[in-house]
N, C-alpha and C. Protein backbone atom coordinates (compact mmCIF):
# COMPACT_ATOMS: atom_id res chain seq x y z
N PHE A 1 101.94 75.61 99.37
CA PHE A 1 103.00 75.35 99.82
C PHE A 1 103.71 75.26 98.90
N PHE A 2 104.98 75.62 99.13
CA PHE A 2 106.09 75.50 97.56
C PHE A 2 107.27 76.07 98.64
N GLY A 3 108.77 75.70 97.81
CA GLY A 3 109.67 75.60 97.95
C GLY A 3 110.17 74.87 99.47
N PRO A 4 111.34 75.22 99.62
CA PRO A 4 112.01 74.11 101.00
C PRO A 4 111.25 74.51 102.28
N THR A 5 110.92 75.94 102.29
CA THR A 5 110.45 76.04 103.60
C THR A 5 109.17 75.47 103.64
N ARG A 6 108.41 75.51 102.45
CA ARG A 6 107.17 75.59 102.70
C ARG A 6 106.17 76.36 102.74
N ARG A 7 106.49 77.50 101.96
CA ARG A 7 106.09 78.66 102.15
C ARG A 7 105.19 78.52 101.77
N ILE A 8 103.51 79.38 101.91
CA ILE A 8 102.55 79.04 102.59
C ILE A 8 102.15 80.60 101.55
N LEU A 9 101.10 80.11 100.19
CA LEU A 9 100.99 81.24 99.27
C LEU A 9 99.30 81.57 99.67
N VAL A 10 98.64 82.63 99.31
CA VAL A 10 97.29 82.94 98.79
C VAL A 10 97.51 84.19 97.99
N THR A 11 96.13 83.68 97.18
CA THR A 11 96.07 85.17 95.74
C THR A 11 94.65 85.22 96.04
N GLY A 12 94.41 86.46 95.53
CA GLY A 12 93.41 87.08 95.18
C GLY A 12 92.74 88.01 94.98
N GLU A 13 91.73 88.80 94.54
CA GLU A 13 91.48 89.94 93.92
C GLU A 13 92.47 91.39 93.47
N ASN A 14 92.68 91.77 92.79
CA ASN A 14 93.33 92.22 92.09
C ASN A 14 94.72 92.55 92.15
N GLY A 15 95.24 91.10 92.01
CA GLY A 15 96.71 90.97 91.89
C GLY A 15 96.95 90.81 93.42
N ARG A 16 96.10 90.35 94.32
CA ARG A 16 96.18 89.89 95.90
C ARG A 16 97.37 89.17 96.38
N VAL A 17 98.31 89.47 96.61
CA VAL A 17 99.20 87.97 97.04
C VAL A 17 99.28 88.35 98.36
N LEU A 18 99.57 87.29 99.30
CA LEU A 18 99.78 86.68 100.79
C LEU A 18 100.79 85.56 100.87
N TYR A 19 102.15 86.14 101.25
CA TYR A 19 102.71 84.74 101.81
C TYR A 19 103.19 84.95 103.54
N ALA A 20 103.34 83.56 103.88
CA ALA A 20 103.63 83.22 105.33
C ALA A 20 104.30 81.56 105.03
N ASP A 21 105.16 82.03 106.47
CA ASP A 21 106.19 80.71 106.51
C ASP A 21 105.91 80.25 108.14
N THR A 22 104.82 80.59 108.63
CA THR A 22 103.96 80.22 109.35
C THR A 22 102.39 80.27 109.33
N PRO A 23 101.65 79.71 110.06
CA PRO A 23 100.14 80.25 109.82
C PRO A 23 99.80 81.17 110.44
N GLU A 24 100.72 82.07 111.46
CA GLU A 24 100.62 82.80 112.30
C GLU A 24 100.71 84.19 111.87
N ARG A 25 101.14 84.24 110.53
CA ARG A 25 101.01 85.54 110.65
C ARG A 25 102.06 86.17 108.55
N PHE A 26 100.78 86.59 107.76
CA PHE A 26 100.86 86.65 106.14
C PHE A 26 101.43 87.94 106.67
N ASP A 27 101.99 88.43 105.34
CA ASP A 27 103.08 89.58 104.70
C ASP A 27 102.13 89.57 102.91
N PRO A 28 102.48 90.89 102.46
CA PRO A 28 101.73 91.13 101.05
C PRO A 28 103.13 90.88 100.31
N GLY A 29 102.41 90.01 99.21
CA GLY A 29 103.89 90.03 98.14
C GLY A 29 104.05 91.25 97.67
N VAL A 30 104.42 90.89 96.52
CA VAL A 30 104.35 92.32 95.56
C VAL A 30 104.51 92.28 94.15
N LEU A 31 104.18 92.24 93.04
CA LEU A 31 103.64 91.92 91.67
C LEU A 31 104.65 93.40 91.23
N ASP A 32 105.18 92.40 90.07
CA ASP A 32 106.21 93.50 89.57
C ASP A 32 105.54 95.13 88.51
N VAL A 33 104.09 94.78 88.23
CA VAL A 33 103.50 95.67 88.39
C VAL A 33 101.37 96.21 89.04
N ALA A 34 101.68 96.88 88.98
CA ALA A 34 100.20 96.98 89.71
C ALA A 34 99.21 96.75 88.74
N THR A 35 98.41 95.68 88.85
CA THR A 35 97.17 95.45 88.06
C THR A 35 95.93 95.31 88.64
N GLY A 36 95.44 95.15 88.32
CA GLY A 36 93.93 94.87 88.83
C GLY A 36 93.59 93.14 88.51
N ASP A 37 94.30 92.78 87.87
CA ASP A 37 94.32 91.52 87.95
C ASP A 37 94.01 90.26 88.85
N TRP A 38 92.83 89.18 88.57
CA TRP A 38 91.99 88.53 89.44
C TRP A 38 92.89 87.30 89.30
N LEU A 39 93.47 87.39 90.69
CA LEU A 39 94.50 85.66 90.88
C LEU A 39 93.81 84.84 91.58
N GLU A 40 93.12 83.71 90.42
CA GLU A 40 92.38 82.91 90.53
C GLU A 40 92.58 81.25 91.71
N ALA A 41 94.01 80.98 91.18
CA ALA A 41 94.56 79.95 91.72
C ALA A 41 96.52 79.96 91.64
N VAL A 42 96.42 79.32 92.49
CA VAL A 42 98.14 79.26 92.63
C VAL A 42 98.64 77.78 93.04
N ALA A 43 99.86 77.43 92.39
CA ALA A 43 100.46 75.96 92.66
C ALA A 43 101.86 76.50 92.76
N GLY A 44 102.61 75.16 93.31
CA GLY A 44 104.51 75.35 93.68
C GLY A 44 104.70 74.38 93.54
N SER A 45 105.96 74.79 93.00
CA SER A 45 106.87 73.14 92.54
C SER A 45 107.85 73.39 93.51
N PRO A 46 108.99 72.48 93.82
CA PRO A 46 110.09 72.88 94.50
C PRO A 46 110.34 74.75 94.75
N THR A 47 110.43 74.95 93.04
CA THR A 47 111.70 75.64 93.35
C THR A 47 110.29 77.25 92.71
N LEU A 48 109.13 77.30 92.50
CA LEU A 48 108.49 77.91 91.84
C LEU A 48 107.15 78.17 92.20
N ALA A 49 106.87 79.52 92.09
CA ALA A 49 105.29 79.16 92.24
C ALA A 49 104.39 80.04 91.47
N VAL A 50 103.36 79.31 90.65
CA VAL A 50 102.55 80.10 89.62
C VAL A 50 101.51 80.18 90.42
N ALA A 51 100.83 81.73 89.87
CA ALA A 51 99.31 82.15 90.00
C ALA A 51 99.16 82.61 88.58
N ALA A 52 97.58 82.00 88.51
CA ALA A 52 96.92 82.46 87.54
C ALA A 52 95.29 83.00 87.37
N GLY A 53 95.05 83.94 86.33
CA GLY A 53 93.90 84.43 86.52
C GLY A 53 93.11 84.95 85.43
N ASP A 54 92.16 85.80 85.53
CA ASP A 54 92.15 86.29 84.77
C ASP A 54 92.73 87.41 83.29
N ASN A 55 92.05 87.63 81.98
CA ASN A 55 93.12 87.93 80.54
C ASN A 55 94.16 87.05 80.77
N GLY A 56 94.05 85.98 80.93
CA GLY A 56 95.19 84.90 80.55
C GLY A 56 96.45 85.27 81.17
N CYS A 57 96.54 85.89 82.48
CA CYS A 57 97.30 86.45 83.66
C CYS A 57 98.08 85.39 84.32
N VAL A 58 99.40 84.99 84.10
CA VAL A 58 100.24 84.12 85.20
C VAL A 58 101.31 84.61 85.42
N TYR A 59 101.84 84.91 87.08
CA TYR A 59 102.68 85.52 87.15
C TYR A 59 103.47 84.28 88.18
N THR A 60 105.16 84.67 88.39
CA THR A 60 105.44 83.58 88.32
C THR A 60 106.37 83.97 89.62
N THR A 61 107.01 83.51 90.62
CA THR A 61 107.97 84.39 91.70
C THR A 61 108.80 82.68 92.41
N ALA A 62 109.87 82.84 92.95
CA ALA A 62 110.85 81.57 93.20
C ALA A 62 111.18 81.81 94.44
N ASN A 63 110.45 83.47 95.22
CA ASN A 63 110.18 83.27 96.39
C ASN A 63 109.10 83.78 97.51
N GLY A 64 107.68 83.60 96.65
CA GLY A 64 106.43 83.93 97.32
C GLY A 64 106.05 85.79 97.30
N VAL A 65 107.31 86.29 97.46
CA VAL A 65 107.42 87.89 97.51
C VAL A 65 107.25 88.28 96.22
N HIS A 66 108.03 88.17 95.65
CA HIS A 66 108.43 89.43 94.01
C HIS A 66 107.84 88.71 93.23
N TRP A 67 107.03 89.16 92.52
CA TRP A 67 106.26 87.97 91.35
C TRP A 67 105.87 88.81 90.30
N LYS A 68 106.66 87.91 89.24
CA LYS A 68 106.99 89.01 87.80
C LYS A 68 105.46 88.22 86.64
N ARG A 69 104.76 89.27 85.82
CA ARG A 69 103.88 88.57 84.85
C ARG A 69 104.57 88.05 84.15
N GLN A 70 103.92 86.27 83.18
CA GLN A 70 104.51 86.29 82.28
C GLN A 70 103.48 86.30 81.09
N SER A 71 104.54 86.39 79.94
CA SER A 71 102.97 86.63 78.62
C SER A 71 103.19 85.32 78.38
N THR A 72 101.19 84.67 78.18
CA THR A 72 101.00 83.41 77.52
C THR A 72 100.30 83.29 76.41
N GLY A 73 100.05 84.67 76.06
CA GLY A 73 99.60 84.50 74.11
C GLY A 73 98.13 84.46 74.30
N PHE A 74 97.29 84.05 75.13
CA PHE A 74 96.06 84.20 75.09
C PHE A 74 95.42 84.94 76.72
N THR A 75 93.67 85.48 76.31
CA THR A 75 93.48 86.36 77.04
C THR A 75 92.18 84.94 77.81
N ASN A 76 91.90 83.80 77.77
CA ASN A 76 91.03 83.28 78.48
C ASN A 76 91.21 83.67 80.47
N TRP A 77 90.15 83.59 80.85
CA TRP A 77 90.13 83.91 82.38
C TRP A 77 90.81 82.19 82.86
N LEU A 78 91.75 82.40 83.60
CA LEU A 78 92.12 80.86 84.27
C LEU A 78 92.22 80.67 85.52
N ARG A 79 91.24 80.05 85.38
CA ARG A 79 90.50 79.51 86.77
C ARG A 79 91.13 78.50 87.37
N GLY A 80 92.25 77.49 87.35
CA GLY A 80 93.05 77.01 88.25
C GLY A 80 94.48 76.62 87.31
N VAL A 81 95.59 75.99 88.64
CA VAL A 81 96.25 76.13 87.95
C VAL A 81 97.02 74.24 89.07
N ALA A 82 97.43 73.83 88.20
CA ALA A 82 98.48 72.74 89.46
C ALA A 82 99.59 71.49 88.43
N TYR A 83 100.41 71.46 90.05
CA TYR A 83 102.04 71.60 89.28
C TYR A 83 102.65 69.42 89.82
N GLY A 84 102.67 69.40 88.88
CA GLY A 84 103.25 67.72 88.78
C GLY A 84 104.55 67.26 88.30
N ASP A 85 105.25 66.62 88.57
CA ASP A 85 106.22 66.01 87.70
C ASP A 85 107.09 66.82 87.04
N GLY A 86 107.53 68.41 87.48
CA GLY A 86 108.23 69.44 86.52
C GLY A 86 107.25 69.52 85.52
N VAL A 87 105.77 69.75 85.22
CA VAL A 87 105.17 70.75 85.06
C VAL A 87 103.64 71.18 85.20
N PHE A 88 104.02 72.38 84.73
CA PHE A 88 102.94 73.29 85.54
C PHE A 88 101.54 73.32 84.68
N VAL A 89 100.16 73.18 84.80
CA VAL A 89 98.81 73.34 83.87
C VAL A 89 98.04 74.39 84.81
N VAL A 90 97.87 74.95 83.38
CA VAL A 90 96.75 75.89 83.67
C VAL A 90 95.24 75.49 83.03
N VAL A 91 94.12 75.65 83.38
CA VAL A 91 93.14 75.53 82.61
C VAL A 91 92.36 76.98 82.86
N GLY A 92 91.10 77.07 82.04
CA GLY A 92 90.32 78.66 82.01
C GLY A 92 89.05 78.14 81.09
N THR A 93 88.85 79.26 80.55
CA THR A 93 87.02 79.33 79.56
C THR A 93 87.08 79.26 78.22
N THR A 94 86.43 78.55 78.08
CA THR A 94 86.43 77.73 76.94
C THR A 94 87.27 76.62 76.19
N GLY A 95 87.41 76.13 77.75
CA GLY A 95 88.28 75.16 77.05
C GLY A 95 89.76 75.30 77.30
N ARG A 96 90.05 76.18 77.95
CA ARG A 96 91.99 76.38 77.48
C ARG A 96 92.19 76.14 78.38
N ILE A 97 93.47 75.10 77.54
CA ILE A 97 94.17 74.32 78.81
C ILE A 97 96.30 74.82 78.13
N ALA A 98 96.90 75.09 79.28
CA ALA A 98 98.35 74.93 78.71
C ALA A 98 98.69 75.06 79.45
N ARG A 99 100.35 74.17 79.02
CA ARG A 99 101.33 73.47 80.29
C ARG A 99 102.81 74.57 79.82
N SER A 100 103.16 74.45 80.78
CA SER A 100 105.07 75.02 80.68
C SER A 100 105.73 74.08 82.39
N THR A 101 106.75 73.89 81.21
CA THR A 101 107.96 73.24 82.20
C THR A 101 108.84 74.14 83.46
N ASN A 102 108.41 75.70 82.76
CA ASN A 102 109.27 76.76 83.39
C ASN A 102 108.51 77.71 84.03
N GLY A 103 107.45 78.07 84.08
CA GLY A 103 106.14 78.90 83.96
C GLY A 103 106.44 79.98 83.46
N ILE A 104 107.25 80.22 82.14
CA ILE A 104 107.01 80.93 81.19
C ILE A 104 106.60 80.68 80.09
N ALA A 105 107.56 80.34 79.10
CA ALA A 105 106.97 79.63 78.11
C ALA A 105 105.85 78.70 77.97
N TRP A 106 104.47 79.19 77.70
CA TRP A 106 103.01 78.11 77.81
C TRP A 106 102.73 77.54 76.42
N SER A 107 102.74 76.24 76.15
CA SER A 107 101.74 76.25 74.81
C SER A 107 100.56 75.53 75.37
N LYS A 108 100.05 75.91 74.44
CA LYS A 108 98.38 76.04 74.17
C LYS A 108 97.96 74.46 73.82
N ILE A 109 97.09 73.80 74.76
CA ILE A 109 96.91 72.67 74.51
C ILE A 109 95.08 71.96 74.23
N SER A 110 95.14 71.08 73.21
CA SER A 110 93.89 71.25 72.66
C SER A 110 93.50 70.02 74.16
N SER A 111 91.64 70.59 74.32
CA SER A 111 91.35 70.08 75.51
C SER A 111 90.47 69.07 74.98
N GLY A 112 89.38 69.91 73.83
CA GLY A 112 88.15 68.61 73.28
C GLY A 112 86.83 69.68 73.25
N THR A 113 87.01 70.35 74.50
CA THR A 113 85.55 71.04 74.86
C THR A 113 86.03 72.06 74.57
N THR A 114 84.82 73.17 74.73
CA THR A 114 84.55 74.17 75.06
C THR A 114 84.14 74.97 76.09
N GLN A 115 83.46 73.69 77.11
CA GLN A 115 82.71 74.20 78.39
C GLN A 115 83.99 75.14 79.32
N HIS A 116 83.95 76.31 80.29
CA HIS A 116 85.01 76.77 80.87
C HIS A 116 84.83 75.46 81.96
N LEU A 117 86.53 75.23 81.92
CA LEU A 117 87.14 74.48 83.15
C LEU A 117 87.55 75.66 83.68
N HIS A 118 87.32 74.78 85.53
CA HIS A 118 87.47 75.28 86.41
C HIS A 118 88.40 75.25 87.44
N ARG A 119 89.35 74.22 87.81
CA ARG A 119 90.13 73.79 88.30
C ARG A 119 91.10 72.30 87.36
N VAL A 120 92.10 72.52 88.30
CA VAL A 120 93.28 71.02 87.73
C VAL A 120 94.02 70.76 88.87
N ALA A 121 94.02 69.50 89.20
CA ALA A 121 95.27 68.91 90.00
C ALA A 121 95.33 67.71 89.61
N TYR A 122 97.06 68.05 90.37
CA TYR A 122 97.69 66.62 89.97
C TYR A 122 98.08 65.54 90.84
N ALA A 123 97.76 64.52 90.88
CA ALA A 123 98.20 63.39 91.29
C ALA A 123 98.12 61.71 90.97
N GLY A 124 99.07 61.06 91.63
CA GLY A 124 99.44 59.76 91.22
C GLY A 124 100.19 59.62 89.71
N ASP A 125 100.38 60.53 88.77
CA ASP A 125 101.03 60.33 87.49
C ASP A 125 99.76 60.88 86.25
N ARG A 126 98.87 61.57 87.19
CA ARG A 126 97.90 62.69 85.82
C ARG A 126 97.56 63.39 86.25
N PHE A 127 97.03 63.85 85.90
CA PHE A 127 96.55 65.62 85.72
C PHE A 127 94.63 65.35 85.12
N HIS A 128 94.15 66.18 86.08
CA HIS A 128 92.55 65.76 85.84
C HIS A 128 92.42 67.25 86.21
N ALA A 129 90.78 67.24 85.12
CA ALA A 129 90.77 68.70 85.10
C ALA A 129 89.18 68.64 85.33
N VAL A 130 88.53 69.62 85.31
CA VAL A 130 86.85 69.77 85.72
C VAL A 130 86.15 71.10 85.30
N GLY A 131 84.90 70.99 84.47
CA GLY A 131 84.56 71.89 84.86
C GLY A 131 82.92 72.37 84.07
N ASN A 132 82.04 73.32 83.74
CA ASN A 132 80.39 72.65 83.16
C ASN A 132 80.12 72.02 82.84
N ALA A 133 78.83 71.43 82.70
CA ALA A 133 78.05 70.60 81.96
C ALA A 133 78.82 69.49 82.78
N GLY A 134 79.37 69.27 83.70
CA GLY A 134 80.17 67.86 84.40
C GLY A 134 81.01 67.28 83.39
N VAL A 135 81.86 68.30 82.88
CA VAL A 135 83.12 68.13 81.91
C VAL A 135 84.13 67.50 82.98
N SER A 136 85.04 66.23 82.95
CA SER A 136 86.38 65.28 83.55
C SER A 136 86.92 65.73 82.12
N LEU A 137 88.03 66.07 82.59
CA LEU A 137 89.14 65.31 81.49
C LEU A 137 90.79 65.01 82.35
N VAL A 138 91.38 63.90 81.73
CA VAL A 138 92.31 63.13 82.26
C VAL A 138 93.19 63.77 81.54
N SER A 139 94.82 63.50 82.02
CA SER A 139 95.92 63.35 81.14
C SER A 139 96.61 63.25 81.66
N LEU A 140 97.04 61.92 81.15
CA LEU A 140 98.11 60.49 81.61
C LEU A 140 99.81 60.83 80.82
N ASN A 141 99.63 61.75 80.06
CA ASN A 141 101.05 62.16 79.25
C ASN A 141 101.61 63.73 79.93
N LEU A 142 101.53 63.77 81.27
CA LEU A 142 102.00 65.45 81.96
C LEU A 142 101.41 66.70 80.92
N GLY A 143 99.84 66.29 80.03
CA GLY A 143 98.95 67.25 80.27
C GLY A 143 99.60 67.76 78.80
N LEU A 144 99.67 67.02 78.24
CA LEU A 144 100.52 67.00 76.33
C LEU A 144 98.87 66.69 75.85
N SER A 145 98.06 65.80 76.64
CA SER A 145 97.15 65.71 75.81
C SER A 145 96.00 65.36 77.19
N TRP A 146 94.71 65.38 76.46
CA TRP A 146 93.55 65.05 77.30
C TRP A 146 92.59 64.26 76.39
N GLN A 147 91.79 62.98 77.32
CA GLN A 147 90.90 62.62 77.14
C GLN A 147 89.41 62.82 78.33
N PRO A 148 88.32 62.58 77.68
CA PRO A 148 87.15 62.80 78.30
C PRO A 148 87.67 61.79 79.73
N ASP A 149 86.77 61.69 80.34
CA ASP A 149 86.77 60.73 82.21
C ASP A 149 85.47 60.95 82.54
N SER A 150 84.18 60.17 81.96
CA SER A 150 82.94 60.42 82.23
C SER A 150 82.84 60.11 83.72
N ILE A 151 82.63 61.16 84.62
CA ILE A 151 82.17 60.17 85.54
C ILE A 151 80.91 60.42 86.25
N GLY A 152 79.71 60.72 85.06
CA GLY A 152 78.63 60.75 84.98
C GLY A 152 78.19 62.03 85.94
N ALA A 153 78.89 63.16 86.21
CA ALA A 153 78.26 64.31 86.41
C ALA A 153 77.63 65.34 85.58
N THR A 154 76.43 66.13 85.78
CA THR A 154 76.18 67.13 84.48
C THR A 154 76.12 68.18 84.90
N ASN A 155 76.34 68.29 86.09
CA ASN A 155 76.31 69.66 86.62
C ASN A 155 77.66 70.90 86.57
N PRO A 156 77.89 71.79 86.25
CA PRO A 156 79.09 72.36 86.63
C PRO A 156 80.43 71.32 87.71
N LEU A 157 81.56 71.46 87.73
CA LEU A 157 82.40 70.71 88.38
C LEU A 157 82.85 71.93 88.89
N GLU A 158 83.40 72.33 90.45
CA GLU A 158 84.72 72.73 90.97
C GLU A 158 85.54 72.74 91.08
N TYR A 159 85.58 71.18 91.61
CA TYR A 159 87.14 71.01 92.26
C TYR A 159 87.03 69.56 92.05
N ALA A 160 88.20 69.11 91.78
CA ALA A 160 88.64 67.52 91.95
C ALA A 160 89.75 67.46 92.55
N VAL A 161 89.95 65.89 93.10
CA VAL A 161 91.46 65.32 93.34
C VAL A 161 91.17 63.95 93.16
N SER A 162 92.47 63.45 92.67
CA SER A 162 92.72 62.07 92.08
C SER A 162 93.69 61.36 92.58
N SER A 163 94.21 59.89 91.67
CA SER A 163 94.97 59.31 92.20
C SER A 163 94.83 58.22 91.43
N THR A 164 95.39 57.47 90.98
CA THR A 164 96.10 56.95 90.03
C THR A 164 94.79 55.70 90.09
N SER A 165 94.32 54.94 91.28
CA SER A 165 92.96 54.15 91.40
C SER A 165 91.48 55.10 91.57
N ASN A 166 91.66 56.56 92.12
CA ASN A 166 90.21 56.85 92.98
C ASN A 166 90.08 58.30 92.39
N ARG A 167 88.98 58.77 92.19
CA ARG A 167 88.89 60.54 92.33
C ARG A 167 87.49 61.17 92.88
N LEU A 168 88.33 62.24 92.94
CA LEU A 168 87.15 62.89 93.80
C LEU A 168 85.98 64.24 93.15
N ALA A 169 85.42 64.30 93.07
CA ALA A 169 84.92 65.71 91.80
C ALA A 169 84.18 66.07 92.59
N VAL A 170 84.22 68.00 93.30
CA VAL A 170 82.70 68.85 93.58
C VAL A 170 82.21 69.55 92.83
N GLY A 171 81.17 70.02 93.04
CA GLY A 171 80.40 70.47 92.07
C GLY A 171 79.20 71.36 92.65
N VAL A 172 78.32 71.61 91.64
CA VAL A 172 77.05 72.46 92.62
C VAL A 172 75.94 71.63 91.80
N HIS A 173 75.67 71.09 93.20
CA HIS A 173 74.71 69.59 93.68
C HIS A 173 75.05 68.45 93.62
N GLU A 174 76.46 68.07 93.36
CA GLU A 174 77.12 66.99 92.82
C GLU A 174 78.09 67.17 93.49
N VAL A 175 78.56 65.57 94.08
CA VAL A 175 79.63 65.15 94.65
C VAL A 175 79.89 63.89 93.92
């Protein structure tokens, strides 16, 4: 969801984007170029949505209908994107993490791991990223630096949610 109307966005393979203002009707969005990019994740702020996917692709939209590809300067497959407190964070293969305050200019951030990162979430003043081999990372400073957050998992973790005092990670044969 993003924007004042709480527009619903769904992304997928070959640049597929759907949007709706009610759950009953979805319409196709339009990318600025025809693409085979798989859009793995999407996150929204009150004024901008960011979709991320393979080949380091990042697309932005102010309305959910018209999308523009942004240059990231890297080619890692991006698997997750989250928004929190004025910052977008993307995560991906080989430990890639990048952050942006506007969805256009992206800064690479050291994750301290080469494990593939699958998802990132923001809640309760922190970003939380998870990935292969039970990797769990936390950032308490809006994605500028990341520390290991050992939760005892050893299998790939696929999703995470967190707050200031609780976290939940879900993966292959582990919760």
